[in-house]
């Protein structure tokens, strides 16, 4: 059952489609870029650094990568749920 108002749902559908157009997963170049971003953004590693500024920079990078992944993998309903939690 869809609990998202249609205009909000349309907004998330539109953004999701835009992300998918940019990051088409069956494109070899896109896969190379996503792999590079995952490494640069420490997508699968700790962002901890004893220097608080360095830690904040690394966490910001990771947040951007996670946003890209959310828009590629989550449904509009799941995106709405995440938006409401933030």
PDB file of N, CA and C in Angstrom:
ATOM      1  N   UNK A   1       0.843  -1.193   0.000  1.00  0.00           N
ATOM      2  CA  UNK A   1       0.000   0.000   0.000  1.00  0.00           C
ATOM      3  C   UNK A   1       0.882   1.247   0.000  1.00  0.00           C
ATOM      4  N   UNK A   2       0.580   2.199  -0.845  1.00  0.00           N
ATOM      5  CA  UNK A   2       1.368   3.423  -0.976  1.00  0.00           C
ATOM      6  C   UNK A   2       0.830   4.489  -0.029  1.00  0.00           C
ATOM      7  N   UNK A   3       1.663   4.912   0.921  1.00  0.00           N
ATOM      8  CA  UNK A   3       1.250   5.915   1.896  1.00  0.00           C
ATOM      9  C   UNK A   3       1.832   7.295   1.613  1.00  0.00           C
ATOM     10  N   UNK A   4       2.542   7.440   0.512  1.00  0.00           N
ATOM     11  CA  UNK A   4       3.160   8.708   0.160  1.00  0.00           C
ATOM     12  C   UNK A   4       2.194   9.519  -0.703  1.00  0.00           C
ATOM     13  N   UNK A   5       1.986  10.817  -0.376  1.00  0.00           N
ATOM     14  CA  UNK A   5       1.171  11.657  -1.257  1.00  0.00           C
ATOM     15  C   UNK A   5       1.753  11.643  -2.670  1.00  0.00           C
ATOM     16  N   UNK A   6       0.879  11.685  -3.677  1.00  0.00           N
ATOM     17  CA  UNK A   6       1.319  11.494  -5.061  1.00  0.00           C
ATOM     18  C   UNK A   6       2.369  12.517  -5.500  1.00  0.00           C
ATOM     19  N   UNK A   7       2.247  13.780  -5.088  1.00  0.00           N
ATOM     20  CA  UNK A   7       3.237  14.784  -5.515  1.00  0.00           C
ATOM     21  C   UNK A   7       4.609  14.503  -4.899  1.00  0.00           C
ATOM     22  N   UNK A   8       4.646  14.025  -3.667  1.00  0.00           N
ATOM     23  CA  UNK A   8       5.919  13.675  -3.022  1.00  0.00           C
ATOM     24  C   UNK A   8       6.482  12.417  -3.669  1.00  0.00           C
ATOM     25  N   UNK A   9       5.623  11.471  -3.937  1.00  0.00           N
ATOM     26  CA  UNK A   9       6.070  10.231  -4.587  1.00  0.00           C
ATOM     27  C   UNK A   9       6.642  10.541  -5.973  1.00  0.00           C
ATOM     28  N   UNK A  10       5.965  11.400  -6.720  1.00  0.00           N
ATOM     29  CA  UNK A  10       6.456  11.801  -8.041  1.00  0.00           C
ATOM     30  C   UNK A  10       7.837  12.444  -7.947  1.00  0.00           C
ATOM     31  N   UNK A  11       8.055  13.251  -6.906  1.00  0.00           N
ATOM     32  CA  UNK A  11       9.346  13.890  -6.684  1.00  0.00           C
ATOM     33  C   UNK A  11      10.442  12.833  -6.520  1.00  0.00           C
ATOM     34  N   UNK A  12      10.197  11.824  -5.676  1.00  0.00           N
ATOM     35  CA  UNK A  12      11.202  10.785  -5.453  1.00  0.00           C
ATOM     36  C   UNK A  12      11.377   9.889  -6.676  1.00  0.00           C
ATOM     37  N   UNK A  13      10.312   9.611  -7.377  1.00  0.00           N
ATOM     38  CA  UNK A  13      10.418   8.821  -8.609  1.00  0.00           C
ATOM     39  C   UNK A  13      11.280   9.580  -9.622  1.00  0.00           C
ATOM     40  N   UNK A  14      11.036  10.868  -9.776  1.00  0.00           N
ATOM     41  CA  UNK A  14      11.788  11.686 -10.720  1.00  0.00           C
ATOM     42  C   UNK A  14      13.276  11.716 -10.366  1.00  0.00           C
ATOM     43  N   UNK A  15      13.584  11.916  -9.088  1.00  0.00           N
ATOM     44  CA  UNK A  15      14.990  11.940  -8.667  1.00  0.00           C
ATOM     45  C   UNK A  15      15.642  10.582  -8.870  1.00  0.00           C
ATOM     46  N   UNK A  16      14.920   9.523  -8.547  1.00  0.00           N
ATOM     47  CA  UNK A  16      15.458   8.171  -8.711  1.00  0.00           C
ATOM     48  C   UNK A  16      15.778   7.913 -10.186  1.00  0.00           C
ATOM     49  N   UNK A  17      14.875   8.288 -11.070  1.00  0.00           N
ATOM     50  CA  UNK A  17      15.090   8.104 -12.508  1.00  0.00           C
ATOM     51  C   UNK A  17      16.313   8.910 -12.963  1.00  0.00           C
ATOM     52  N   UNK A  18      16.463  10.123 -12.466  1.00  0.00           N
ATOM     53  CA  UNK A  18      17.618  10.942 -12.832  1.00  0.00           C
ATOM     54  C   UNK A  18      18.924  10.279 -12.393  1.00  0.00           C
ATOM     55  N   UNK A  19      18.965   9.779 -11.178  1.00  0.00           N
ATOM     56  CA  UNK A  19      20.162   9.085 -10.695  1.00  0.00           C
ATOM     57  C   UNK A  19      20.437   7.846 -11.551  1.00  0.00           C
ATOM     58  N   UNK A  20      19.400   7.121 -11.904  1.00  0.00           N
ATOM     59  CA  UNK A  20      19.580   5.920 -12.705  1.00  0.00           C
ATOM     60  C   UNK A  20      20.085   6.261 -14.110  1.00  0.00           C
ATOM     61  N   UNK A  21      19.636   7.371 -14.667  1.00  0.00           N
ATOM     62  CA  UNK A  21      20.108   7.780 -15.997  1.00  0.00           C
ATOM     63  C   UNK A  21      21.603   8.093 -15.964  1.00  0.00           C
ATOM     64  N   UNK A  22      22.048   8.715 -14.889  1.00  0.00           N
ATOM     65  CA  UNK A  22      23.468   9.064 -14.767  1.00  0.00           C
ATOM     66  C   UNK A  22      24.314   7.841 -14.443  1.00  0.00           C
ATOM     67  N   UNK A  23      23.815   6.998 -13.567  1.00  0.00           N
ATOM     68  CA  UNK A  23      24.580   5.846 -13.085  1.00  0.00           C
ATOM     69  C   UNK A  23      23.951   4.538 -13.558  1.00  0.00           C
ATOM     70  N   UNK A  24      23.856   4.355 -14.872  1.00  0.00           N
ATOM     71  CA  UNK A  24      23.312   3.119 -15.432  1.00  0.00           C
ATOM     72  C   UNK A  24      24.283   1.993 -15.106  1.00  0.00           C
ATOM     73  N   UNK A  25      23.806   0.995 -14.369  1.00  0.00           N
ATOM     74  CA  UNK A  25      24.708  -0.015 -13.829  1.00  0.00           C
ATOM     75  C   UNK A  25      25.283  -0.971 -14.857  1.00  0.00           C
ATOM     76  N   UNK A  26      24.716  -1.082 -16.046  1.00  0.00           N
ATOM     77  CA  UNK A  26      25.273  -2.012 -17.023  1.00  0.00           C
ATOM     78  C   UNK A  26      26.294  -1.336 -17.943  1.00  0.00           C
ATOM     79  N   UNK A  27      26.633  -0.112 -17.662  1.00  0.00           N
ATOM     80  CA  UNK A  27      27.631   0.628 -18.429  1.00  0.00           C
ATOM     81  C   UNK A  27      28.997   0.433 -17.784  1.00  0.00           C
ATOM     82  N   UNK A  28      29.976  -0.030 -18.539  1.00  0.00           N
ATOM     83  CA  UNK A  28      31.309  -0.318 -18.014  1.00  0.00           C
ATOM     84  C   UNK A  28      31.954   0.915 -17.393  1.00  0.00           C
ATOM     85  N   UNK A  29      31.819   2.080 -18.016  1.00  0.00           N
ATOM     86  CA  UNK A  29      32.411   3.305 -17.477  1.00  0.00           C
ATOM     87  C   UNK A  29      31.769   3.688 -16.153  1.00  0.00           C
ATOM     88  N   UNK A  30      30.460   3.548 -16.069  1.00  0.00           N
ATOM     89  CA  UNK A  30      29.762   3.873 -14.825  1.00  0.00           C
ATOM     90  C   UNK A  30      30.235   2.962 -13.712  1.00  0.00           C
ATOM     91  N   UNK A  31      30.381   1.675 -13.993  1.00  0.00           N
ATOM     92  CA  UNK A  31      30.868   0.752 -12.971  1.00  0.00           C
ATOM     93  C   UNK A  31      32.261   1.139 -12.494  1.00  0.00           C
ATOM     94  N   UNK A  32      33.123   1.576 -13.413  1.00  0.00           N
ATOM     95  CA  UNK A  32      34.472   2.013 -13.030  1.00  0.00           C
ATOM     96  C   UNK A  32      34.405   3.252 -12.141  1.00  0.00           C
ATOM     97  N   UNK A  33      33.518   4.199 -12.480  1.00  0.00           N
ATOM     98  CA  UNK A  33      33.367   5.415 -11.681  1.00  0.00           C
ATOM     99  C   UNK A  33      32.817   5.077 -10.296  1.00  0.00           C
ATOM    100  N   UNK A  34      31.790   4.237 -10.240  1.00  0.00           N
ATOM    101  CA  UNK A  34      31.226   3.863  -8.938  1.00  0.00           C
ATOM    102  C   UNK A  34      32.249   3.135  -8.077  1.00  0.00           C
ATOM    103  N   UNK A  35      33.061   2.297  -8.688  1.00  0.00           N
ATOM    104  CA  UNK A  35      34.111   1.589  -7.941  1.00  0.00           C
ATOM    105  C   UNK A  35      35.142   2.589  -7.402  1.00  0.00           C
ATOM    106  N   UNK A  36      35.530   3.553  -8.235  1.00  0.00           N
ATOM    107  CA  UNK A  36      36.470   4.579  -7.803  1.00  0.00           C
ATOM    108  C   UNK A  36      35.877   5.432  -6.683  1.00  0.00           C
ATOM    109  N   UNK A  37      34.616   5.828  -6.828  1.00  0.00           N
ATOM    110  CA  UNK A  37      33.955   6.614  -5.778  1.00  0.00           C
ATOM    111  C   UNK A  37      33.864   5.830  -4.473  1.00  0.00           C
ATOM    112  N   UNK A  38      33.580   4.533  -4.571  1.00  0.00           N
ATOM    113  CA  UNK A  38      33.494   3.704  -3.367  1.00  0.00           C
ATOM    114  C   UNK A  38      34.825   3.724  -2.616  1.00  0.00           C
ATOM    115  N   UNK A  39      35.912   3.634  -3.354  1.00  0.00           N
ATOM    116  CA  UNK A  39      37.232   3.661  -2.719  1.00  0.00           C
ATOM    117  C   UNK A  39      37.514   5.046  -2.136  1.00  0.00           C
ATOM    118  N   UNK A  40      37.318   6.098  -2.940  1.00  0.00           N
ATOM    119  CA  UNK A  40      37.591   7.463  -2.507  1.00  0.00           C
ATOM    120  C   UNK A  40      36.729   7.861  -1.312  1.00  0.00           C
ATOM    121  N   UNK A  41      35.475   7.423  -1.310  1.00  0.00           N
ATOM    122  CA  UNK A  41      34.524   7.803  -0.260  1.00  0.00           C
ATOM    123  C   UNK A  41      34.546   6.859   0.947  1.00  0.00           C
ATOM    124  N   UNK A  42      35.421   5.866   0.888  1.00  0.00           N
ATOM    125  CA  UNK A  42      35.507   4.865   1.951  1.00  0.00           C
ATOM    126  C   UNK A  42      34.146   4.229   2.225  1.00  0.00           C
ATOM    127  N   UNK A  43      33.521   3.820   1.160  1.00  0.00           N
ATOM    128  CA  UNK A  43      32.186   3.235   1.259  1.00  0.00           C
ATOM    129  C   UNK A  43      32.168   1.965   2.097  1.00  0.00           C
ATOM    130  N   UNK A  44      33.258   1.221   2.076  1.00  0.00           N
ATOM    131  CA  UNK A  44      33.295  -0.069   2.767  1.00  0.00           C
ATOM    132  C   UNK A  44      34.353  -0.108   3.864  1.00  0.00           C
ATOM    133  N   UNK A  45      34.867   1.055   4.229  1.00  0.00           N
ATOM    134  CA  UNK A  45      35.908   1.156   5.256  1.00  0.00           C
ATOM    135  C   UNK A  45      35.501   2.182   6.297  1.00  0.00           C
ATOM    136  N   UNK A  46      36.182   2.138   7.416  1.00  0.00           N
ATOM    137  CA  UNK A  46      35.932   3.108   8.474  1.00  0.00           C
ATOM    138  C   UNK A  46      36.357   4.501   8.018  1.00  0.00           C
ATOM    139  N   UNK A  47      35.615   5.501   8.450  1.00  0.00           N
ATOM    140  CA  UNK A  47      35.993   6.885   8.171  1.00  0.00           C
ATOM    141  C   UNK A  47      36.684   7.522   9.369  1.00  0.00           C
ATOM    142  N   UNK A  48      36.960   6.738  10.394  1.00  0.00           N
ATOM    143  CA  UNK A  48      37.570   7.290  11.604  1.00  0.00           C
ATOM    144  C   UNK A  48      38.951   7.865  11.313  1.00  0.00           C
ATOM    145  N   UNK A  49      39.195   9.023  11.888  1.00  0.00           N
ATOM    146  CA  UNK A  49      40.518   9.632  11.896  1.00  0.00           C
ATOM    147  C   UNK A  49      40.635  10.383  13.216  1.00  0.00           C
ATOM    148  N   UNK A  50      41.809  10.322  13.828  1.00  0.00           N
ATOM    149  CA  UNK A  50      41.963  10.990  15.129  1.00  0.00           C
ATOM    150  C   UNK A  50      41.838  12.503  15.017  1.00  0.00           C
ATOM    151  N   UNK A  51      42.079  13.040  13.835  1.00  0.00           N
ATOM    152  CA  UNK A  51      41.874  14.466  13.598  1.00  0.00           C
ATOM    153  C   UNK A  51      40.396  14.682  13.259  1.00  0.00           C
ATOM    154  N   UNK A  52      39.664  15.432  14.092  1.00  0.00           N
ATOM    155  CA  UNK A  52      38.221  15.619  13.864  1.00  0.00           C
ATOM    156  C   UNK A  52      37.882  16.221  12.492  1.00  0.00           C
ATOM    157  N   UNK A  53      38.729  17.091  11.986  1.00  0.00           N
ATOM    158  CA  UNK A  53      38.455  17.690  10.676  1.00  0.00           C
ATOM    159  C   UNK A  53      38.595  16.654   9.570  1.00  0.00           C
ATOM    160  N   UNK A  54      39.645  15.854   9.634  1.00  0.00           N
ATOM    161  CA  UNK A  54      39.824  14.792   8.644  1.00  0.00           C
ATOM    162  C   UNK A  54      38.677  13.798   8.718  1.00  0.00           C
ATOM    163  N   UNK A  55      38.280  13.463   9.930  1.00  0.00           N
ATOM    164  CA  UNK A  55      37.157  12.534  10.109  1.00  0.00           C
ATOM    165  C   UNK A  55      35.887  13.107   9.472  1.00  0.00           C
ATOM    166  N   UNK A  56      35.636  14.386   9.693  1.00  0.00           N
ATOM    167  CA  UNK A  56      34.430  15.022   9.135  1.00  0.00           C
ATOM    168  C   UNK A  56      34.471  15.006   7.599  1.00  0.00           C
ATOM    169  N   UNK A  57      35.630  15.272   7.022  1.00  0.00           N
ATOM    170  CA  UNK A  57      35.762  15.242   5.559  1.00  0.00           C
ATOM    171  C   UNK A  57      35.469  13.844   5.032  1.00  0.00           C
ATOM    172  N   UNK A  58      36.068  12.843   5.662  1.00  0.00           N
ATOM    173  CA  UNK A  58      35.867  11.461   5.217  1.00  0.00           C
ATOM    174  C   UNK A  58      34.408  11.033   5.375  1.00  0.00           C
ATOM    175  N   UNK A  59      33.774  11.447   6.447  1.00  0.00           N
ATOM    176  CA  UNK A  59      32.369  11.094   6.665  1.00  0.00           C
ATOM    177  C   UNK A  59      31.478  11.776   5.628  1.00  0.00           C
ATOM    178  N   UNK A  60      31.815  13.010   5.256  1.00  0.00           N
ATOM    179  CA  UNK A  60      31.062  13.711   4.211  1.00  0.00           C
ATOM    180  C   UNK A  60      31.165  13.011   2.866  1.00  0.00           C
ATOM    181  N   UNK A  61      32.361  12.540   2.533  1.00  0.00           N
ATOM    182  CA  UNK A  61      32.533  11.789   1.290  1.00  0.00           C
ATOM    183  C   UNK A  61      31.657  10.547   1.295  1.00  0.00           C
ATOM    184  N   UNK A  62      31.692   9.836   2.403  1.00  0.00           N
ATOM    185  CA  UNK A  62      30.923   8.591   2.514  1.00  0.00           C
ATOM    186  C   UNK A  62      29.427   8.869   2.394  1.00  0.00           C
ATOM    187  N   UNK A  63      28.973   9.967   2.980  1.00  0.00           N
ATOM    188  CA  UNK A  63      27.554  10.313   2.919  1.00  0.00           C
ATOM    189  C   UNK A  63      27.096  10.523   1.474  1.00  0.00           C
ATOM    190  N   UNK A  64      27.932  11.154   0.655  1.00  0.00           N
ATOM    191  CA  UNK A  64      27.590  11.365  -0.751  1.00  0.00           C
ATOM    192  C   UNK A  64      27.477  10.027  -1.480  1.00  0.00           C
ATOM    193  N   UNK A  65      28.434   9.143  -1.257  1.00  0.00           N
ATOM    194  CA  UNK A  65      28.392   7.823  -1.893  1.00  0.00           C
ATOM    195  C   UNK A  65      27.122   7.066  -1.488  1.00  0.00           C
ATOM    196  N   UNK A  66      26.804   7.107  -0.207  1.00  0.00           N
ATOM    197  CA  UNK A  66      25.602   6.400   0.269  1.00  0.00           C
ATOM    198  C   UNK A  66      24.332   6.983  -0.338  1.00  0.00           C
ATOM    199  N   UNK A  67      24.316   8.284  -0.557  1.00  0.00           N
ATOM    200  CA  UNK A  67      23.143   8.904  -1.200  1.00  0.00           C
ATOM    201  C   UNK A  67      22.975   8.386  -2.625  1.00  0.00           C
ATOM    202  N   UNK A  68      24.072   8.313  -3.368  1.00  0.00           N
ATOM    203  CA  UNK A  68      24.006   7.778  -4.726  1.00  0.00           C
ATOM    204  C   UNK A  68      23.451   6.361  -4.698  1.00  0.00           C
ATOM    205  N   UNK A  69      23.957   5.543  -3.788  1.00  0.00           N
ATOM    206  CA  UNK A  69      23.510   4.158  -3.692  1.00  0.00           C
ATOM    207  C   UNK A  69      22.032   4.059  -3.316  1.00  0.00           C
ATOM    208  N   UNK A  70      21.597   4.931  -2.422  1.00  0.00           N
ATOM    209  CA  UNK A  70      20.176   4.923  -2.042  1.00  0.00           C
ATOM    210  C   UNK A  70      19.283   5.153  -3.258  1.00  0.00           C
ATOM    211  N   UNK A  71      19.623   6.157  -4.050  1.00  0.00           N
ATOM    212  CA  UNK A  71      18.786   6.481  -5.202  1.00  0.00           C
ATOM    213  C   UNK A  71      18.851   5.424  -6.293  1.00  0.00           C
ATOM    214  N   UNK A  72      19.907   4.640  -6.309  1.00  0.00           N
ATOM    215  CA  UNK A  72      19.998   3.564  -7.293  1.00  0.00           C
ATOM    216  C   UNK A  72      19.259   2.314  -6.849  1.00  0.00           C
ATOM    217  N   UNK A  73      19.194   2.072  -5.553  1.00  0.00           N
ATOM    218  CA  UNK A  73      18.710   0.776  -5.075  1.00  0.00           C
ATOM    219  C   UNK A  73      17.347   0.807  -4.374  1.00  0.00           C
ATOM    220  N   UNK A  74      16.993   1.916  -3.745  1.00  0.00           N
ATOM    221  CA  UNK A  74      15.761   1.947  -2.965  1.00  0.00           C
ATOM    222  C   UNK A  74      14.552   2.326  -3.821  1.00  0.00           C
ATOM    223  N   UNK A  75      13.392   1.878  -3.390  1.00  0.00           N
ATOM    224  CA  UNK A  75      12.140   2.262  -4.039  1.00  0.00           C
ATOM    225  C   UNK A  75      11.766   3.684  -3.600  1.00  0.00           C
ATOM    226  N   UNK A  76      10.861   4.345  -4.316  1.00  0.00           N
ATOM    227  CA  UNK A  76      10.411   5.665  -3.867  1.00  0.00           C
ATOM    228  C   UNK A  76       9.833   5.628  -2.444  1.00  0.00           C
ATOM    229  N   UNK A  77       9.136   4.563  -2.084  1.00  0.00           N
ATOM    230  CA  UNK A  77       8.598   4.452  -0.726  1.00  0.00           C
ATOM    231  C   UNK A  77       9.721   4.378   0.306  1.00  0.00           C
ATOM    232  N   UNK A  78      10.758   3.612   0.010  1.00  0.00           N
ATOM    233  CA  UNK A  78      11.895   3.507   0.930  1.00  0.00           C
ATOM    234  C   UNK A  78      12.652   4.832   1.017  1.00  0.00           C
ATOM    235  N   UNK A  79      12.783   5.535  -0.118  1.00  0.00           N
ATOM    236  CA  UNK A  79      13.425   6.846  -0.099  1.00  0.00           C
ATOM    237  C   UNK A  79      12.633   7.816   0.776  1.00  0.00           C
ATOM    238  N   UNK A  80      11.319   7.774   0.665  1.00  0.00           N
ATOM    239  CA  UNK A  80      10.457   8.627   1.484  1.00  0.00           C
ATOM    240  C   UNK A  80      10.641   8.306   2.962  1.00  0.00           C
ATOM    241  N   UNK A  81      10.685   7.035   3.309  1.00  0.00           N
ATOM    242  CA  UNK A  81      10.906   6.632   4.701  1.00  0.00           C
ATOM    243  C   UNK A  81      12.233   7.171   5.211  1.00  0.00           C
ATOM    244  N   UNK A  82      13.280   7.069   4.389  1.00  0.00           N
ATOM    245  CA  UNK A  82      14.583   7.608   4.790  1.00  0.00           C
ATOM    246  C   UNK A  82      14.556   9.121   4.927  1.00  0.00           C
ATOM    247  N   UNK A  83      13.855   9.790   4.030  1.00  0.00           N
ATOM    248  CA  UNK A  83      13.751  11.251   4.080  1.00  0.00           C
ATOM    249  C   UNK A  83      13.070  11.699   5.371  1.00  0.00           C
ATOM    250  N   UNK A  84      12.027  10.998   5.765  1.00  0.00           N
ATOM    251  CA  UNK A  84      11.288  11.361   6.973  1.00  0.00           C
ATOM    252  C   UNK A  84      12.128  11.148   8.230  1.00  0.00           C
ATOM    253  N   UNK A  85      13.071  10.209   8.199  1.00  0.00           N
ATOM    254  CA  UNK A  85      13.934   9.928   9.360  1.00  0.00           C
ATOM    255  C   UNK A  85      15.005  10.989   9.535  1.00  0.00           C
ATOM    256  N   UNK A  86      15.423  11.614   8.434  1.00  0.00           N
ATOM    257  CA  UNK A  86      16.533  12.599   8.487  1.00  0.00           C
ATOM    258  C   UNK A  86      16.104  13.894   9.131  1.00  0.00           C
TER     259      UNK A  86
END
